[in-house]
PDB file of N, CA and C in Angstrom:
ATOM      1  N   UNK A   1      -7.583  13.403   4.061  1.00  0.00           N
ATOM      2  CA  UNK A   1      -6.489  13.591   4.074  1.00  0.00           C
ATOM      3  C   UNK A   1      -6.025  13.088   3.235  1.00  0.00           C
ATOM      4  N   UNK A   2      -4.822  13.297   2.727  1.00  0.00           N
ATOM      5  CA  UNK A   2      -3.752  12.435   1.973  1.00  0.00           C
ATOM      6  C   UNK A   2      -2.881  11.783   2.013  1.00  0.00           C
ATOM      7  N   UNK A   3      -2.197  11.009   1.774  1.00  0.00           N
ATOM      8  CA  UNK A   3      -1.590   9.778   2.023  1.00  0.00           C
ATOM      9  C   UNK A   3      -0.087   9.789   0.698  1.00  0.00           C
ATOM     10  N   UNK A   4       1.433   9.581   0.717  1.00  0.00           N
ATOM     11  CA  UNK A   4       1.264   9.420  -0.222  1.00  0.00           C
ATOM     12  C   UNK A   4       1.937   7.413  -0.109  1.00  0.00           C
ATOM     13  N   UNK A   5       1.691   7.394  -1.280  1.00  0.00           N
ATOM     14  CA  UNK A   5       1.505   5.759  -1.726  1.00  0.00           C
ATOM     15  C   UNK A   5       2.555   5.232  -2.588  1.00  0.00           C
ATOM     16  N   UNK A   6       3.769   4.367  -2.158  1.00  0.00           N
ATOM     17  CA  UNK A   6       5.231   4.014  -2.457  1.00  0.00           C
ATOM     18  C   UNK A   6       4.742   2.786  -2.853  1.00  0.00           C
ATOM     19  N   UNK A   7       4.943   1.962  -4.093  1.00  0.00           N
ATOM     20  CA  UNK A   7       4.884   1.033  -4.627  1.00  0.00           C
ATOM     21  C   UNK A   7       6.096   0.277  -4.891  1.00  0.00           C
ATOM     22  N   UNK A   8       6.398  -0.648  -4.242  1.00  0.00           N
ATOM     23  CA  UNK A   8       7.851  -1.311  -4.945  1.00  0.00           C
ATOM     24  C   UNK A   8       8.121  -3.036  -5.624  1.00  0.00           C
ATOM     25  N   UNK A   9       8.952  -3.368  -6.010  1.00  0.00           N
ATOM     26  CA  UNK A   9       9.214  -4.618  -6.575  1.00  0.00           C
ATOM     27  C   UNK A   9       8.316  -4.910  -7.886  1.00  0.00           C
ATOM     28  N   UNK A  10       7.519  -6.069  -7.559  1.00  0.00           N
ATOM     29  CA  UNK A  10       6.735  -6.962  -8.480  1.00  0.00           C
ATOM     30  C   UNK A  10       5.362  -5.877  -8.350  1.00  0.00           C
ATOM     31  N   UNK A  11       5.221  -5.099  -7.367  1.00  0.00           N
ATOM     32  CA  UNK A  11       4.268  -4.080  -7.177  1.00  0.00           C
ATOM     33  C   UNK A  11       3.922  -3.201  -8.016  1.00  0.00           C
ATOM     34  N   UNK A  12       5.162  -2.436  -8.176  1.00  0.00           N
ATOM     35  CA  UNK A  12       5.535  -1.296  -9.119  1.00  0.00           C
ATOM     36  C   UNK A  12       5.379  -1.866 -10.307  1.00  0.00           C
ATOM     37  N   UNK A  13       5.963  -3.178 -10.574  1.00  0.00           N
ATOM     38  CA  UNK A  13       5.844  -3.558 -12.195  1.00  0.00           C
ATOM     39  C   UNK A  13       4.443  -3.928 -12.329  1.00  0.00           C
ATOM     40  N   UNK A  14       3.312  -4.332 -11.891  1.00  0.00           N
ATOM     41  CA  UNK A  14       2.293  -4.888 -12.137  1.00  0.00           C
ATOM     42  C   UNK A  14       1.591  -3.682 -12.389  1.00  0.00           C
ATOM     43  N   UNK A  15       1.670  -2.452 -11.374  1.00  0.00           N
ATOM     44  CA  UNK A  15       0.726  -1.247 -11.501  1.00  0.00           C
ATOM     45  C   UNK A  15       1.602  -0.114 -12.395  1.00  0.00           C
ATOM     46  N   UNK A  16       2.950  -0.355 -13.100  1.00  0.00           N
ATOM     47  CA  UNK A  16       3.328   0.425 -13.746  1.00  0.00           C
ATOM     48  C   UNK A  16       3.459   1.814 -13.302  1.00  0.00           C
ATOM     49  N   UNK A  17       3.976   1.795 -12.117  1.00  0.00           N
ATOM     50  CA  UNK A  17       3.979   2.977 -11.280  1.00  0.00           C
ATOM     51  C   UNK A  17       4.581   3.128 -10.515  1.00  0.00           C
ATOM     52  N   UNK A  18       5.097   3.609  -9.609  1.00  0.00           N
ATOM     53  CA  UNK A  18       6.276   4.000  -8.458  1.00  0.00           C
ATOM     54  C   UNK A  18       5.588   4.553  -7.113  1.00  0.00           C
ATOM     55  N   UNK A  19       4.633   5.318  -7.163  1.00  0.00           N
ATOM     56  CA  UNK A  19       3.955   5.585  -6.442  1.00  0.00           C
ATOM     57  C   UNK A  19       2.531   6.547  -6.573  1.00  0.00           C
ATOM     58  N   UNK A  20       1.824   7.076  -5.834  1.00  0.00           N
ATOM     59  CA  UNK A  20       0.573   7.329  -6.209  1.00  0.00           C
ATOM     60  C   UNK A  20      -0.057   8.479  -4.990  1.00  0.00           C
ATOM     61  N   UNK A  21      -0.836   9.737  -5.002  1.00  0.00           N
ATOM     62  CA  UNK A  21      -1.387   9.633  -4.141  1.00  0.00           C
ATOM     63  C   UNK A  21      -2.377   9.874  -3.871  1.00  0.00           C
ATOM     64  N   UNK A  22      -3.083   9.587  -2.553  1.00  0.00           N
ATOM     65  CA  UNK A  22      -4.715   8.985  -2.504  1.00  0.00           C
ATOM     66  C   UNK A  22      -5.178  10.042  -1.262  1.00  0.00           C
ATOM     67  N   UNK A  23      -6.500   9.737  -1.594  1.00  0.00           N
ATOM     68  CA  UNK A  23      -7.117  11.013  -0.630  1.00  0.00           C
ATOM     69  C   UNK A  23      -8.077   9.717   0.243  1.00  0.00           C
ATOM     70  N   UNK A  24      -7.944   9.651   1.221  1.00  0.00           N
ATOM     71  CA  UNK A  24      -8.764   8.856   2.083  1.00  0.00           C
ATOM     72  C   UNK A  24      -9.251   9.835   3.161  1.00  0.00           C
ATOM     73  N   UNK A  25     -10.800   9.206   3.586  1.00  0.00           N
ATOM     74  CA  UNK A  25     -11.480   9.727   4.526  1.00  0.00           C
ATOM     75  C   UNK A  25     -11.118   9.864   5.722  1.00  0.00           C
ATOM     76  N   UNK A  26     -10.495  10.967   7.075  1.00  0.00           N
ATOM     77  CA  UNK A  26     -10.419  11.105   8.189  1.00  0.00           C
ATOM     78  C   UNK A  26     -10.450   9.799   9.028  1.00  0.00           C
ATOM     79  N   UNK A  27      -9.087   9.019   9.674  1.00  0.00           N
ATOM     80  CA  UNK A  27      -9.417   7.994  10.134  1.00  0.00           C
ATOM     81  C   UNK A  27      -9.341   6.843   9.703  1.00  0.00           C
ATOM     82  N   UNK A  28      -9.074   6.706   8.751  1.00  0.00           N
ATOM     83  CA  UNK A  28      -8.816   5.637   7.385  1.00  0.00           C
ATOM     84  C   UNK A  28      -7.603   4.846   8.146  1.00  0.00           C
ATOM     85  N   UNK A  29      -7.915   3.179   7.698  1.00  0.00           N
ATOM     86  CA  UNK A  29      -6.362   2.434   8.375  1.00  0.00           C
ATOM     87  C   UNK A  29      -6.010   1.699   7.004  1.00  0.00           C
ATOM     88  N   UNK A  30      -4.921   1.014   7.164  1.00  0.00           N
ATOM     89  CA  UNK A  30      -4.063   0.749   5.978  1.00  0.00           C
ATOM     90  C   UNK A  30      -5.263  -0.508   5.565  1.00  0.00           C
ATOM     91  N   UNK A  31      -5.774  -1.029   6.003  1.00  0.00           N
ATOM     92  CA  UNK A  31      -7.004  -1.580   5.493  1.00  0.00           C
ATOM     93  C   UNK A  31      -8.266  -1.087   4.297  1.00  0.00           C
ATOM     94  N   UNK A  32      -8.504   0.062   4.369  1.00  0.00           N
ATOM     95  CA  UNK A  32      -9.100   1.110   4.105  1.00  0.00           C
ATOM     96  C   UNK A  32      -8.568   1.436   2.910  1.00  0.00           C
ATOM     97  N   UNK A  33      -7.189   2.067   3.147  1.00  0.00           N
ATOM     98  CA  UNK A  33      -6.333   2.153   1.808  1.00  0.00           C
ATOM     99  C   UNK A  33      -5.905   0.982   0.660  1.00  0.00           C
ATOM    100  N   UNK A  34      -5.777  -0.095   1.099  1.00  0.00           N
ATOM    101  CA  UNK A  34      -5.830  -1.632   0.783  1.00  0.00           C
ATOM    102  C   UNK A  34      -7.139  -1.233  -0.613  1.00  0.00           C
ATOM    103  N   UNK A  35      -8.325  -1.677   0.383  1.00  0.00           N
ATOM    104  CA  UNK A  35      -9.311  -1.684  -0.372  1.00  0.00           C
ATOM    105  C   UNK A  35      -9.666  -0.951  -1.332  1.00  0.00           C
ATOM    106  N   UNK A  36      -9.170   0.524  -0.863  1.00  0.00           N
ATOM    107  CA  UNK A  36      -9.461   1.704  -2.389  1.00  0.00           C
ATOM    108  C   UNK A  36      -8.126   1.278  -3.167  1.00  0.00           C
ATOM    109  N   UNK A  37      -7.141   1.083  -2.830  1.00  0.00           N
ATOM    110  CA  UNK A  37      -5.831   0.364  -3.870  1.00  0.00           C
ATOM    111  C   UNK A  37      -6.735  -0.482  -4.976  1.00  0.00           C
ATOM    112  N   UNK A  38      -7.450  -1.600  -4.081  1.00  0.00           N
ATOM    113  CA  UNK A  38      -7.605  -2.322  -5.164  1.00  0.00           C
ATOM    114  C   UNK A  38      -8.596  -2.803  -6.147  1.00  0.00           C
ATOM    115  N   UNK A  39      -9.520  -1.057  -5.910  1.00  0.00           N
ATOM    116  CA  UNK A  39     -10.483  -0.873  -6.504  1.00  0.00           C
ATOM    117  C   UNK A  39     -10.406  -0.158  -7.664  1.00  0.00           C
ATOM    118  N   UNK A  40      -9.148   0.929  -7.813  1.00  0.00           N
ATOM    119  CA  UNK A  40      -8.573   1.616  -8.625  1.00  0.00           C
ATOM    120  C   UNK A  40      -7.069   0.597  -9.459  1.00  0.00           C
ATOM    121  N   UNK A  41      -7.122  -0.068  -8.810  1.00  0.00           N
ATOM    122  CA  UNK A  41      -5.934  -1.318  -9.406  1.00  0.00           C
ATOM    123  C   UNK A  41      -6.071  -2.739  -9.150  1.00  0.00           C
ATOM    124  N   UNK A  42      -7.328  -3.622  -9.745  1.00  0.00           N
ATOM    125  CA  UNK A  42      -7.630  -4.240  -9.705  1.00  0.00           C
ATOM    126  C   UNK A  42      -6.443  -5.321 -10.058  1.00  0.00           C
ATOM    127  N   UNK A  43      -5.213  -5.491 -10.514  1.00  0.00           N
ATOM    128  CA  UNK A  43      -4.198  -5.890 -10.995  1.00  0.00           C
ATOM    129  C   UNK A  43      -3.510  -6.825  -9.500  1.00  0.00           C
ATOM    130  N   UNK A  44      -3.973  -5.860  -8.151  1.00  0.00           N
ATOM    131  CA  UNK A  44      -3.676  -5.942  -7.240  1.00  0.00           C
ATOM    132  C   UNK A  44      -4.370  -7.319  -6.262  1.00  0.00           C
ATOM    133  N   UNK A  45      -5.563  -7.228  -6.865  1.00  0.00           N
ATOM    134  CA  UNK A  45      -6.556  -8.451  -6.363  1.00  0.00           C
ATOM    135  C   UNK A  45      -5.664  -9.778  -6.102  1.00  0.00           C
ATOM    136  N   UNK A  46      -4.722  -9.901  -7.026  1.00  0.00           N
ATOM    137  CA  UNK A  46      -4.042 -11.247  -7.121  1.00  0.00           C
ATOM    138  C   UNK A  46      -3.050 -11.552  -6.263  1.00  0.00           C
ATOM    139  N   UNK A  47      -2.408 -10.280  -5.667  1.00  0.00           N
ATOM    140  CA  UNK A  47      -1.184 -10.558  -4.406  1.00  0.00           C
ATOM    141  C   UNK A  47      -1.224  -9.605  -3.212  1.00  0.00           C
ATOM    142  N   UNK A  48      -2.953  -8.797  -3.167  1.00  0.00           N
ATOM    143  CA  UNK A  48      -3.306  -8.259  -1.971  1.00  0.00           C
ATOM    144  C   UNK A  48      -3.247  -8.585  -0.466  1.00  0.00           C
ATOM    145  N   UNK A  49      -3.327 -10.482  -0.490  1.00  0.00           N
ATOM    146  CA  UNK A  49      -3.194 -10.993   1.070  1.00  0.00           C
ATOM    147  C   UNK A  49      -1.928 -11.056   1.404  1.00  0.00           C
ATOM    148  N   UNK A  50      -1.230 -11.360   0.166  1.00  0.00           N
ATOM    149  CA  UNK A  50       0.525 -11.429   1.151  1.00  0.00           C
ATOM    150  C   UNK A  50       1.095  -9.764   1.108  1.00  0.00           C
ATOM    151  N   UNK A  51       0.688  -8.701   0.498  1.00  0.00           N
ATOM    152  CA  UNK A  51       1.325  -7.251   0.753  1.00  0.00           C
ATOM    153  C   UNK A  51       1.125  -7.201   2.272  1.00  0.00           C
ATOM    154  N   UNK A  52       2.418  -6.584   2.605  1.00  0.00           N
ATOM    155  CA  UNK A  52       2.841  -5.748   3.702  1.00  0.00           C
ATOM    156  C   UNK A  52       3.404  -4.394   3.491  1.00  0.00           C
ATOM    157  N   UNK A  53       2.534  -3.545   4.650  1.00  0.00           N
ATOM    158  CA  UNK A  53       2.938  -1.995   4.795  1.00  0.00           C
ATOM    159  C   UNK A  53       3.603  -1.637   5.881  1.00  0.00           C
ATOM    160  N   UNK A  54       4.641  -0.675   5.547  1.00  0.00           N
ATOM    161  CA  UNK A  54       4.913   0.145   6.416  1.00  0.00           C
ATOM    162  C   UNK A  54       4.607   1.854   5.946  1.00  0.00           C
ATOM    163  N   UNK A  55       4.239   2.207   7.302  1.00  0.00           N
ATOM    164  CA  UNK A  55       3.935   3.727   7.161  1.00  0.00           C
ATOM    165  C   UNK A  55       5.281   4.569   7.789  1.00  0.00           C
ATOM    166  N   UNK A  56       5.416   5.449   7.226  1.00  0.00           N
ATOM    167  CA  UNK A  56       6.588   6.186   7.721  1.00  0.00           C
ATOM    168  C   UNK A  56       8.045   5.323   7.718  1.00  0.00           C
ATOM    169  N   UNK A  57       8.125   4.462   7.261  1.00  0.00           N
ATOM    170  CA  UNK A  57       9.045   3.203   7.321  1.00  0.00           C
ATOM    171  C   UNK A  57       9.272   2.324   8.607  1.00  0.00           C
ATOM    172  N   UNK A  58       8.174   2.110   9.394  1.00  0.00           N
ATOM    173  CA  UNK A  58       7.367   1.178   9.968  1.00  0.00           C
ATOM    174  C   UNK A  58       6.625   0.419   9.675  1.00  0.00           C
ATOM    175  N   UNK A  59       7.077  -1.319  10.048  1.00  0.00           N
ATOM    176  CA  UNK A  59       5.802  -2.191   9.268  1.00  0.00           C
ATOM    177  C   UNK A  59       4.751  -1.773  10.504  1.00  0.00           C
ATOM    178  N   UNK A  60       3.514  -1.759  10.053  1.00  0.00           N
ATOM    179  CA  UNK A  60       2.286  -1.733  10.481  1.00  0.00           C
ATOM    180  C   UNK A  60       1.481  -3.119   9.767  1.00  0.00           C
ATOM    181  N   UNK A  61       0.117  -3.303  10.899  1.00  0.00           N
ATOM    182  CA  UNK A  61      -1.065  -4.161  10.648  1.00  0.00           C
ATOM    183  C   UNK A  61      -1.947  -3.523   9.972  1.00  0.00           C
ATOM    184  N   UNK A  62      -3.411  -4.043   9.358  1.00  0.00           N
ATOM    185  CA  UNK A  62      -4.036  -3.296   8.530  1.00  0.00           C
ATOM    186  C   UNK A  62      -5.057  -2.698   9.372  1.00  0.00           C
ATOM    187  N   UNK A  63      -4.694  -2.963  10.921  1.00  0.00           N
ATOM    188  CA  UNK A  63      -5.832  -1.529  11.485  1.00  0.00           C
ATOM    189  C   UNK A  63      -4.878  -0.382  11.985  1.00  0.00           C
ATOM    190  N   UNK A  64      -3.860  -0.127  11.379  1.00  0.00           N
ATOM    191  CA  UNK A  64      -3.194   1.017  11.928  1.00  0.00           C
ATOM    192  C   UNK A  64      -3.704   2.420  11.113  1.00  0.00           C
ATOM    193  N   UNK A  65      -4.351   2.958  12.056  1.00  0.00           N
ATOM    194  CA  UNK A  65      -4.888   4.180  11.298  1.00  0.00           C
ATOM    195  C   UNK A  65      -3.460   5.516  10.831  1.00  0.00           C
ATOM    196  N   UNK A  66      -4.050   5.780   9.526  1.00  0.00           N
ATOM    197  CA  UNK A  66      -3.086   6.373   8.870  1.00  0.00           C
ATOM    198  C   UNK A  66      -3.311   8.220   9.307  1.00  0.00           C
ATOM    199  N   UNK A  67      -2.623   9.091   9.445  1.00  0.00           N
ATOM    200  CA  UNK A  67      -2.478  10.398   9.342  1.00  0.00           C
ATOM    201  C   UNK A  67      -2.328  11.120   8.464  1.00  0.00           C
ATOM    202  N   UNK A  68      -2.890  12.455   8.032  1.00  0.00           N
ATOM    203  CA  UNK A  68      -2.625  13.029   6.631  1.00  0.00           C
ATOM    204  C   UNK A  68      -0.849  13.255   6.830  1.00  0.00           C
ATOM    205  N   UNK A  69      -0.405  13.297   5.525  1.00  0.00           N
ATOM    206  CA  UNK A  69       0.584  13.000   4.947  1.00  0.00           C
ATOM    207  C   UNK A  69       1.933  11.982   5.336  1.00  0.00           C
ATOM    208  N   UNK A  70       1.173  11.211   5.634  1.00  0.00           N
ATOM    209  CA  UNK A  70       1.842   9.729   6.032  1.00  0.00           C
ATOM    210  C   UNK A  70       2.151   9.183   4.683  1.00  0.00           C
ATOM    211  N   UNK A  71       3.475   8.363   4.607  1.00  0.00           N
ATOM    212  CA  UNK A  71       3.970   7.716   3.698  1.00  0.00           C
ATOM    213  C   UNK A  71       3.610   6.290   3.386  1.00  0.00           C
ATOM    214  N   UNK A  72       3.106   5.792   3.078  1.00  0.00           N
ATOM    215  CA  UNK A  72       2.793   4.281   2.547  1.00  0.00           C
ATOM    216  C   UNK A  72       3.300   3.614   1.875  1.00  0.00           C
ATOM    217  N   UNK A  73       4.348   2.567   2.240  1.00  0.00           N
ATOM    218  CA  UNK A  73       4.809   1.508   1.042  1.00  0.00           C
ATOM    219  C   UNK A  73       4.283   0.486   1.240  1.00  0.00           C
ATOM    220  N   UNK A  74       3.940   0.019  -0.177  1.00  0.00           N
ATOM    221  CA  UNK A  74       3.528  -1.541  -0.272  1.00  0.00           C
ATOM    222  C   UNK A  74       4.462  -1.948  -1.005  1.00  0.00           C
ATOM    223  N   UNK A  75       4.586  -3.546   0.077  1.00  0.00           N
ATOM    224  CA  UNK A  75       5.814  -4.095  -0.219  1.00  0.00           C
ATOM    225  C   UNK A  75       5.092  -5.651  -0.489  1.00  0.00           C
ATOM    226  N   UNK A  76       5.324  -6.000  -1.509  1.00  0.00           N
ATOM    227  CA  UNK A  76       4.899  -7.554  -1.928  1.00  0.00           C
ATOM    228  C   UNK A  76       5.987  -8.917  -1.233  1.00  0.00           C
ATOM    229  N   UNK A  77       5.775 -10.038  -1.433  1.00  0.00           N
ATOM    230  CA  UNK A  77       6.729 -10.876  -0.517  1.00  0.00           C
ATOM    231  C   UNK A  77       7.831 -10.961  -1.193  1.00  0.00           C
ATOM    232  N   UNK A  78       8.854 -11.304  -0.515  1.00  0.00           N
ATOM    233  CA  UNK A  78      10.110 -11.441  -1.281  1.00  0.00           C
ATOM    234  C   UNK A  78      10.964 -12.604  -1.456  1.00  0.00           C
ATOM    235  N   UNK A  79      11.276 -13.225  -2.260  1.00  0.00           N
ATOM    236  CA  UNK A  79      11.302 -14.746  -2.385  1.00  0.00           C
ATOM    237  C   UNK A  79      12.906 -14.689  -3.326  1.00  0.00           C
ATOM    238  N   UNK A  80      13.590 -15.963  -3.323  1.00  0.00           N
ATOM    239  CA  UNK A  80      14.860 -15.967  -3.894  1.00  0.00           C
ATOM    240  C   UNK A  80      15.717 -16.212  -3.157  1.00  0.00           C
ATOM    241  N   UNK A  81      17.184 -16.532  -3.399  1.00  0.00           N
ATOM    242  CA  UNK A  81      18.532 -16.645  -2.470  1.00  0.00           C
ATOM    243  C   UNK A  81      18.728 -17.763  -2.618  1.00  0.00           C
ATOM    244  N   UNK A  82      19.768 -18.124  -1.757  1.00  0.00           N
ATOM    245  CA  UNK A  82      20.027 -19.948  -2.064  1.00  0.00           C
ATOM    246  C   UNK A  82      19.905 -20.390  -1.006  1.00  0.00           C
TER     247      UNK A  82
END
């Protein structure tokens, strides 16, 4: 199955890309996707533990099962403000 992965904020800057299309085995989870992303983009390893994920605009945990055609947002922690 294929999923569209969108990278935001510092992750987008770190990877120098805003999105990617990833091929995964049927039944793959968000955790499986993260594992594959870390292999493909070692620069993610530094921030991987603090990333959040949204599938089709809904926040999910690592055990969430993905489906063909899902859109996965990779969201780093946000800081700042007063």
